[in-house]
C-alpha cells in the first residue's frame, strides 16, 4: 500500500486527536472531549499535519506496523477496520465519495470538543471524560446511508 493509499484510510473523524487517559492498573483507556492543540475542531483536521510531530512530540503516527497494537483507536477507525480485515462503513469517504458523510453520520468530533490541551490542565482531564468516542451513533451503524 502506498503512503497516499494508507493516508486515505483516515475517515476524518478526529477521535484519535482527543486527549485520552489510561488507568495504570487496568490499562483501560478513557476518552475526553479535550483535543490536541493542533486540531481544528470544526474541520476535524490537524492545523499543521506535516509538522505535527515537531509541535506535539507525543503525536503517534499511525503505520501498518503499529495500528494493530494501539488500544486507543476508536472502533470505527478506518485504519483499525482494515487491519482487522473488516469493511469500512458507508460514511467513510472512500465509500461515500464525500468527506462530509463522517459528520453527517455523527461520527466526527465536530461540535463536541470542549477545549484543547492548552486550555485545560492535565490535572483536570478526569473531569472531561466522555463515553461517545467509544460508540457509534445508530445511523453510523446502518449498512447503507439513510435517505434524507
Foldseek 3Di string as FASTA:
>chain_A
DDPVVLVLLFQLQLQLQFDWDADPVPRDIFTFLAGAPQAPLQRSDGVCVVCVCVVPVPDDDDDLVCLCPDPPDAPLRSSVCVNVVHDHFCQRCVNVVDSCSCVVQVQHSRPPRPYYCVVDDPVCRVVGTDDVNNDGPPQRPDRHHDDD
